PDB file of all heavy atoms in Angstrom:
ATOM      1  N   GLY A   1       0.801  -1.208   0.000  1.00  0.00           N
ATOM      2  CA  GLY A   1       0.000   0.000   0.000  1.00  0.00           C
ATOM      3  C   GLY A   1       0.836   1.261   0.000  1.00  0.00           C
ATOM      4  O   GLY A   1       2.067   1.217  -0.084  1.00  0.00           O
ATOM      5  N   SER A   2       0.149   2.406   0.120  1.00  0.00           N
ATOM      6  CA  SER A   2       0.798   3.707   0.043  1.00  0.00           C
ATOM      7  C   SER A   2       0.325   4.622   1.156  1.00  0.00           C
ATOM      8  O   SER A   2      -0.796   4.497   1.660  1.00  0.00           O
ATOM      9  CB  SER A   2       0.498   4.381  -1.299  1.00  0.00           C
ATOM     10  OG  SER A   2       0.985   3.624  -2.392  1.00  0.00           O
ATOM     11  N   LEU A   3       1.188   5.547   1.534  1.00  0.00           N
ATOM     12  CA  LEU A   3       0.870   6.621   2.457  1.00  0.00           C
ATOM     13  C   LEU A   3       1.598   7.880   2.002  1.00  0.00           C
ATOM     14  O   LEU A   3       2.663   7.790   1.389  1.00  0.00           O
ATOM     15  CB  LEU A   3       1.302   6.295   3.889  1.00  0.00           C
ATOM     16  CG  LEU A   3       0.494   5.280   4.691  1.00  0.00           C
ATOM     17  CD1 LEU A   3       1.220   4.972   6.002  1.00  0.00           C
ATOM     18  CD2 LEU A   3      -0.905   5.794   4.973  1.00  0.00           C
ATOM     19  N   ARG A   4       1.030   9.036   2.329  1.00  0.00           N
ATOM     20  CA  ARG A   4       1.715  10.300   2.106  1.00  0.00           C
ATOM     21  C   ARG A   4       1.836  11.045   3.418  1.00  0.00           C
ATOM     22  O   ARG A   4       0.829  11.364   4.054  1.00  0.00           O
ATOM     23  CB  ARG A   4       0.992  11.180   1.081  1.00  0.00           C
ATOM     24  CG  ARG A   4       1.834  12.403   0.680  1.00  0.00           C
ATOM     25  CD  ARG A   4       1.144  13.309  -0.308  1.00  0.00           C
ATOM     26  NE  ARG A   4       0.127  14.133   0.318  1.00  0.00           N
ATOM     27  CZ  ARG A   4      -0.286  15.311  -0.161  1.00  0.00           C
ATOM     28  NH1 ARG A   4       0.243  15.781  -1.291  1.00  0.00           N
ATOM     29  NH2 ARG A   4      -1.234  15.983   0.463  1.00  0.00           N
ATOM     30  N   LEU A   5       3.060  11.324   3.817  1.00  0.00           N
ATOM     31  CA  LEU A   5       3.326  12.082   5.022  1.00  0.00           C
ATOM     32  C   LEU A   5       3.502  13.554   4.686  1.00  0.00           C
ATOM     33  O   LEU A   5       4.042  13.899   3.640  1.00  0.00           O
ATOM     34  CB  LEU A   5       4.596  11.576   5.719  1.00  0.00           C
ATOM     35  CG  LEU A   5       4.664  10.079   6.034  1.00  0.00           C
ATOM     36  CD1 LEU A   5       5.958   9.768   6.788  1.00  0.00           C
ATOM     37  CD2 LEU A   5       3.449   9.627   6.819  1.00  0.00           C
ATOM     38  N   SER A   6       3.058  14.421   5.594  1.00  0.00           N
ATOM     39  CA  SER A   6       3.211  15.855   5.435  1.00  0.00           C
ATOM     40  C   SER A   6       4.018  16.417   6.592  1.00  0.00           C
ATOM     41  O   SER A   6       3.947  15.916   7.714  1.00  0.00           O
ATOM     42  CB  SER A   6       1.854  16.554   5.382  1.00  0.00           C
ATOM     43  OG  SER A   6       1.113  16.136   4.257  1.00  0.00           O
ATOM     44  N   CYS A   7       4.770  17.466   6.324  1.00  0.00           N
ATOM     45  CA  CYS A   7       5.580  18.149   7.323  1.00  0.00           C
ATOM     46  C   CYS A   7       5.341  19.645   7.169  1.00  0.00           C
ATOM     47  O   CYS A   7       5.785  20.247   6.188  1.00  0.00           O
ATOM     48  CB  CYS A   7       7.055  17.802   7.135  1.00  0.00           C
ATOM     49  SG  CYS A   7       8.193  18.731   8.170  1.00  0.00           S
ATOM     50  N   GLU A   8       4.641  20.235   8.126  1.00  0.00           N
ATOM     51  CA  GLU A   8       4.316  21.658   8.077  1.00  0.00           C
ATOM     52  C   GLU A   8       5.183  22.431   9.063  1.00  0.00           C
ATOM     53  O   GLU A   8       5.187  22.122  10.257  1.00  0.00           O
ATOM     54  CB  GLU A   8       2.839  21.878   8.387  1.00  0.00           C
ATOM     55  CG  GLU A   8       1.898  21.239   7.397  1.00  0.00           C
ATOM     56  CD  GLU A   8       0.445  21.551   7.682  1.00  0.00           C
ATOM     57  OE1 GLU A   8       0.177  22.479   8.477  1.00  0.00           O
ATOM     58  OE2 GLU A   8      -0.428  20.873   7.103  1.00  0.00           O
ATOM     59  N   ALA A   9       5.899  23.412   8.558  1.00  0.00           N
ATOM     60  CA  ALA A   9       6.692  24.306   9.385  1.00  0.00           C
ATOM     61  C   ALA A   9       5.986  25.652   9.495  1.00  0.00           C
ATOM     62  O   ALA A   9       5.461  26.160   8.505  1.00  0.00           O
ATOM     63  CB  ALA A   9       8.094  24.493   8.810  1.00  0.00           C
ATOM     64  N   SER A  10       5.974  26.220  10.685  1.00  0.00           N
ATOM     65  CA  SER A  10       5.312  27.495  10.901  1.00  0.00           C
ATOM     66  C   SER A  10       6.147  28.355  11.832  1.00  0.00           C
ATOM     67  O   SER A  10       7.013  27.859  12.547  1.00  0.00           O
ATOM     68  CB  SER A  10       3.907  27.297  11.472  1.00  0.00           C
ATOM     69  OG  SER A  10       3.957  26.623  12.717  1.00  0.00           O
ATOM     70  N   GLY A  11       5.874  29.650  11.821  1.00  0.00           N
ATOM     71  CA  GLY A  11       6.595  30.588  12.652  1.00  0.00           C
ATOM     72  C   GLY A  11       7.270  31.664  11.823  1.00  0.00           C
ATOM     73  O   GLY A  11       6.903  31.920  10.682  1.00  0.00           O
ATOM     74  N   SER A  12       8.280  32.289  12.398  1.00  0.00           N
ATOM     75  CA  SER A  12       8.991  33.390  11.747  1.00  0.00           C
ATOM     76  C   SER A  12      10.060  32.842  10.802  1.00  0.00           C
ATOM     77  O   SER A  12      11.259  32.899  11.082  1.00  0.00           O
ATOM     78  CB  SER A  12       9.598  34.321  12.794  1.00  0.00           C
ATOM     79  OG  SER A  12      10.453  33.601  13.684  1.00  0.00           O
ATOM     80  N   ILE A  13       9.621  32.325   9.663  1.00  0.00           N
ATOM     81  CA  ILE A  13      10.488  31.637   8.711  1.00  0.00           C
ATOM     82  C   ILE A  13      10.791  32.530   7.518  1.00  0.00           C
ATOM     83  O   ILE A  13       9.883  33.008   6.851  1.00  0.00           O
ATOM     84  CB  ILE A  13       9.841  30.332   8.235  1.00  0.00           C
ATOM     85  CG1 ILE A  13       9.639  29.377   9.411  1.00  0.00           C
ATOM     86  CG2 ILE A  13      10.692  29.675   7.146  1.00  0.00           C
ATOM     87  CD1 ILE A  13       8.804  28.165   9.075  1.00  0.00           C
ATOM     88  N   ALA A  14      12.079  32.716   7.250  1.00  0.00           N
ATOM     89  CA  ALA A  14      12.507  33.401   6.041  1.00  0.00           C
ATOM     90  C   ALA A  14      12.690  32.419   4.887  1.00  0.00           C
ATOM     91  O   ALA A  14      12.289  32.697   3.760  1.00  0.00           O
ATOM     92  CB  ALA A  14      13.799  34.178   6.284  1.00  0.00           C
ATOM     93  N   SER A  15      13.301  31.267   5.175  1.00  0.00           N
ATOM     94  CA  SER A  15      13.504  30.240   4.168  1.00  0.00           C
ATOM     95  C   SER A  15      13.821  28.924   4.855  1.00  0.00           C
ATOM     96  O   SER A  15      14.244  28.895   6.003  1.00  0.00           O
ATOM     97  CB  SER A  15      14.632  30.617   3.195  1.00  0.00           C
ATOM     98  OG  SER A  15      15.870  30.712   3.876  1.00  0.00           O
ATOM     99  N   ILE A  16      13.616  27.835   4.122  1.00  0.00           N
ATOM    100  CA  ILE A  16      13.969  26.498   4.583  1.00  0.00           C
ATOM    101  C   ILE A  16      14.947  25.920   3.579  1.00  0.00           C
ATOM    102  O   ILE A  16      14.578  25.661   2.433  1.00  0.00           O
ATOM    103  CB  ILE A  16      12.732  25.600   4.714  1.00  0.00           C
ATOM    104  CG1 ILE A  16      11.734  26.204   5.698  1.00  0.00           C
ATOM    105  CG2 ILE A  16      13.143  24.191   5.146  1.00  0.00           C
ATOM    106  CD1 ILE A  16      10.430  25.445   5.800  1.00  0.00           C
ATOM    107  N   THR A  17      16.185  25.720   3.991  1.00  0.00           N
ATOM    108  CA  THR A  17      17.204  25.256   3.062  1.00  0.00           C
ATOM    109  C   THR A  17      17.097  23.754   2.800  1.00  0.00           C
ATOM    110  O   THR A  17      17.240  23.312   1.664  1.00  0.00           O
ATOM    111  CB  THR A  17      18.611  25.584   3.571  1.00  0.00           C
ATOM    112  OG1 THR A  17      18.786  25.067   4.889  1.00  0.00           O
ATOM    113  CG2 THR A  17      18.830  27.098   3.596  1.00  0.00           C
ATOM    114  N   PHE A  18      16.844  22.967   3.823  1.00  0.00           N
ATOM    115  CA  PHE A  18      16.700  21.523   3.693  1.00  0.00           C
ATOM    116  C   PHE A  18      15.468  21.058   4.450  1.00  0.00           C
ATOM    117  O   PHE A  18      15.145  21.575   5.519  1.00  0.00           O
ATOM    118  CB  PHE A  18      17.921  20.771   4.242  1.00  0.00           C
ATOM    119  CG  PHE A  18      19.195  21.012   3.494  1.00  0.00           C
ATOM    120  CD1 PHE A  18      20.084  21.984   3.913  1.00  0.00           C
ATOM    121  CD2 PHE A  18      19.507  20.260   2.378  1.00  0.00           C
ATOM    122  CE1 PHE A  18      21.265  22.203   3.229  1.00  0.00           C
ATOM    123  CE2 PHE A  18      20.682  20.471   1.680  1.00  0.00           C
ATOM    124  CZ  PHE A  18      21.559  21.442   2.107  1.00  0.00           C
ATOM    125  N   MET A  19      14.801  20.063   3.890  1.00  0.00           N
ATOM    126  CA  MET A  19      13.781  19.320   4.604  1.00  0.00           C
ATOM    127  C   MET A  19      14.108  17.846   4.450  1.00  0.00           C
ATOM    128  O   MET A  19      14.410  17.390   3.349  1.00  0.00           O
ATOM    129  CB  MET A  19      12.379  19.609   4.086  1.00  0.00           C
ATOM    130  CG  MET A  19      11.966  21.064   4.215  1.00  0.00           C
ATOM    131  SD  MET A  19      10.187  21.338   3.963  1.00  0.00           S
ATOM    132  CE  MET A  19       9.547  20.794   5.557  1.00  0.00           C
ATOM    133  N   ALA A  20      14.077  17.122   5.548  1.00  0.00           N
ATOM    134  CA  ALA A  20      14.482  15.724   5.538  1.00  0.00           C
ATOM    135  C   ALA A  20      13.498  14.878   6.327  1.00  0.00           C
ATOM    136  O   ALA A  20      12.838  15.359   7.244  1.00  0.00           O
ATOM    137  CB  ALA A  20      15.885  15.569   6.125  1.00  0.00           C
ATOM    138  N   TRP A  21      13.434  13.612   5.958  1.00  0.00           N
ATOM    139  CA  TRP A  21      12.661  12.630   6.691  1.00  0.00           C
ATOM    140  C   TRP A  21      13.601  11.572   7.250  1.00  0.00           C
ATOM    141  O   TRP A  21      14.457  11.048   6.532  1.00  0.00           O
ATOM    142  CB  TRP A  21      11.616  11.957   5.804  1.00  0.00           C
ATOM    143  CG  TRP A  21      10.480  12.852   5.448  1.00  0.00           C
ATOM    144  CD1 TRP A  21      10.347  13.626   4.334  1.00  0.00           C
ATOM    145  CD2 TRP A  21       9.299  13.067   6.220  1.00  0.00           C
ATOM    146  NE1 TRP A  21       9.161  14.310   4.358  1.00  0.00           N
ATOM    147  CE2 TRP A  21       8.495  13.987   5.508  1.00  0.00           C
ATOM    148  CE3 TRP A  21       8.832  12.569   7.441  1.00  0.00           C
ATOM    149  CZ2 TRP A  21       7.253  14.421   5.984  1.00  0.00           C
ATOM    150  CZ3 TRP A  21       7.607  13.004   7.912  1.00  0.00           C
ATOM    151  CH2 TRP A  21       6.838  13.917   7.183  1.00  0.00           C
ATOM    152  N   TYR A  22      13.434  11.269   8.524  1.00  0.00           N
ATOM    153  CA  TYR A  22      14.130  10.196   9.206  1.00  0.00           C
ATOM    154  C   TYR A  22      13.100   9.194   9.708  1.00  0.00           C
ATOM    155  O   TYR A  22      11.918   9.507   9.832  1.00  0.00           O
ATOM    156  CB  TYR A  22      14.933  10.722  10.391  1.00  0.00           C
ATOM    157  CG  TYR A  22      16.108  11.606  10.033  1.00  0.00           C
ATOM    158  CD1 TYR A  22      15.924  12.945   9.698  1.00  0.00           C
ATOM    159  CD2 TYR A  22      17.403  11.102  10.051  1.00  0.00           C
ATOM    160  CE1 TYR A  22      16.994  13.759   9.379  1.00  0.00           C
ATOM    161  CE2 TYR A  22      18.483  11.910   9.741  1.00  0.00           C
ATOM    162  CZ  TYR A  22      18.275  13.234   9.407  1.00  0.00           C
ATOM    163  OH  TYR A  22      19.353  14.038   9.100  1.00  0.00           O
ATOM    164  N   ARG A  23      13.556   7.993  10.025  1.00  0.00           N
ATOM    165  CA  ARG A  23      12.682   7.013  10.640  1.00  0.00           C
ATOM    166  C   ARG A  23      13.458   6.179  11.649  1.00  0.00           C
ATOM    167  O   ARG A  23      14.672   6.036  11.557  1.00  0.00           O
ATOM    168  CB  ARG A  23      12.025   6.101   9.605  1.00  0.00           C
ATOM    169  CG  ARG A  23      12.981   5.138   8.909  1.00  0.00           C
ATOM    170  CD  ARG A  23      12.255   4.356   7.821  1.00  0.00           C
ATOM    171  NE  ARG A  23      13.136   3.425   7.137  1.00  0.00           N
ATOM    172  CZ  ARG A  23      12.806   2.736   6.051  1.00  0.00           C
ATOM    173  NH1 ARG A  23      11.591   2.880   5.520  1.00  0.00           N
ATOM    174  NH2 ARG A  23      13.668   1.900   5.487  1.00  0.00           N
ATOM    175  N   GLN A  24      12.718   5.641  12.604  1.00  0.00           N
ATOM    176  CA  GLN A  24      13.297   4.743  13.579  1.00  0.00           C
ATOM    177  C   GLN A  24      12.354   3.557  13.757  1.00  0.00           C
ATOM    178  O   GLN A  24      11.246   3.709  14.270  1.00  0.00           O
ATOM    179  CB  GLN A  24      13.536   5.434  14.921  1.00  0.00           C
ATOM    180  CG  GLN A  24      14.273   4.570  15.927  1.00  0.00           C
ATOM    181  CD  GLN A  24      14.784   5.356  17.114  1.00  0.00           C
ATOM    182  OE1 GLN A  24      14.392   6.498  17.337  1.00  0.00           O
ATOM    183  NE2 GLN A  24      15.670   4.757  17.884  1.00  0.00           N
ATOM    184  N   GLY A  25      12.790   2.390  13.309  1.00  0.00           N
ATOM    185  CA  GLY A  25      12.006   1.176  13.451  1.00  0.00           C
ATOM    186  C   GLY A  25      12.204   0.543  14.810  1.00  0.00           C
ATOM    187  O   GLY A  25      13.099   0.923  15.568  1.00  0.00           O
ATOM    188  N   PRO A  26      11.374  -0.448  15.153  1.00  0.00           N
ATOM    189  CA  PRO A  26      11.493  -1.134  16.445  1.00  0.00           C
ATOM    190  C   PRO A  26      12.877  -1.750  16.626  1.00  0.00           C
ATOM    191  O   PRO A  26      13.336  -2.521  15.776  1.00  0.00           O
ATOM    192  CB  PRO A  26      10.417  -2.212  16.376  1.00  0.00           C
ATOM    193  CG  PRO A  26       9.439  -1.709  15.358  1.00  0.00           C
ATOM    194  CD  PRO A  26      10.273  -0.983  14.344  1.00  0.00           C
TER     195      PRO A  26
END
Protein backbone atom coordinates (compact mmCIF):
# COMPACT_ATOMS: atom_id res chain seq x y z
CA GLY A 1 0.00 0.00 0.00
CA SER A 2 0.80 3.71 0.04
CA LEU A 3 0.87 6.62 2.46
CA ARG A 4 1.72 10.30 2.11
CA LEU A 5 3.33 12.08 5.02
CA SER A 6 3.21 15.85 5.43
CA CYS A 7 5.58 18.15 7.32
CA GLU A 8 4.32 21.66 8.08
CA ALA A 9 6.69 24.31 9.38
CA SER A 10 5.31 27.49 10.90
CA GLY A 11 6.59 30.59 12.65
CA SER A 12 8.99 33.39 11.75
CA ILE A 13 10.49 31.64 8.71
CA ALA A 14 12.51 33.40 6.04
CA SER A 15 13.50 30.24 4.17
CA ILE A 16 13.97 26.50 4.58
CA THR A 17 17.20 25.26 3.06
CA PHE A 18 16.70 21.52 3.69
CA MET A 19 13.78 19.32 4.60
CA ALA A 20 14.48 15.72 5.54
CA TRP A 21 12.66 12.63 6.69
CA TYR A 22 14.13 10.20 9.21
CA ARG A 23 12.68 7.01 10.64
CA GLN A 24 13.30 4.74 13.58
CA GLY A 25 12.01 1.18 13.45
CA PRO A 26 11.49 -1.13 16.45
